[in-house]
Amino acid sequence: MNWPSDPGRPPPAEPPGWPSPPAPAAGHRRPPAPSQPRRGLWKRCLWGGVALWLLTAIITYTTQNTNLLPTLILLGSFLIPAVFVLWAYERHGRDLGAPLILGCSLTGGILGVLGASVAESYLLHPSIWIFLGVGLIEEAVKLLALMFVLRRHPEVRGMRAGLVLGAAVGFGFAAFESAGYAFNAAVTIQGIDLRALLETEVLRGVLAPFGHGLWTAIAGGVLLSYRRPNGRFRLAAPVIGAYLGVSVLHALWDSMHGIALWLVIRVTDTNLSRELFAQGYLPAPTAAQQHLFTLFSVGGIVVITLIALAWLRSLAHSARSPGNDPRQGTRIHTP
């Protein structure tokens, strides 16, 4: 039976007794809608990953099986960065989508370490400004990697999106960089140094949340907050200022060992030759000098971290300020 068509009227209701659509056959079910990761998954990944890393370390140490070294290095290098990326996704980036955040973390991280390696090998030379050069190069390549990943996502912009995706790129960079440091610490002339590998992974894992992920989140947030609606990136003055600022923080972080050494010498008034000072260590330091060095080096890292966290907090607050929708700027258009 064909009902008369009238574009101005809705189709009439079905008369009583009208046959209903056939029910699905037994055993056939409609495919379930894709589910989102449950909140709190990052906690389970953290404790499960720590347990697996400890188990791998114990078995590697007891069996001396070098085939387990790649597993140990990958677990120790990627655990903390991956957990923080998952936390950022759960708390602030669900509307961005897991594929985009994962792409920023993996692709951005790999492109970042490759670009930094090439640029540093050709542009840097031993000098007093070498750490500033490292900071400028690594922060630049991470931002370029973020821009490359987002080149086909013109709708993604705004402070919140930049903070989340910038952190994803930074943590990806940190994970691959830590894997390289752990490998170099393990391989020595005398053979495999498992203790040095574990110490390197623990130290870099503890410091991972306060380094590359934090710095690139700041720069990425400012970068995407000035992105044009058509997807073009603007190198406005605040963007350049944020890049230079995080580069300086990066340089101070890397050079804190030398700065702490210089402060110890200045405070204790030791007549130390410039050549020995250039070696980066104190020959036969006193107990007071050792305590001062630890105080200055650790205290300097804490001060740099507090500055970066305060900066990040101010950017996050500006994204949530009255009159600004927290979702504004992260415009994901669905078909």
Foldseek 3Di string as FASTA:
>chain_A
DDDDDDVVDDDDDDDPPDDDDDDDDPPDDDDDDDDDDDPPVLVVLQVVLVVVLVVLLVCCVVVVDCVSVVVNLLSLLQSLLVSVLVVLCRPQNVVVPPVLLLCLQAQLQVQLVVQLVVCCVPPADDDPCRLLVSLLRSLVSSVVSLLVSCQVPLLAFALSSQLSSQLSSQSSNRSVVLSVVLVVQQQDPVHGDSVSSVVSSVVSSVCSVQARSLLSSLLRSVQRNQADSRRHTDPDPVNVVSSSVSSVLSSCLVCQLLVLLVVLCVVVVDPDDPVVSVVSDDPPDDPVSVVSSVCSSVVSSVVSSVVSVVSVVVSQCVCVDPPHDVCPNRDDDDD
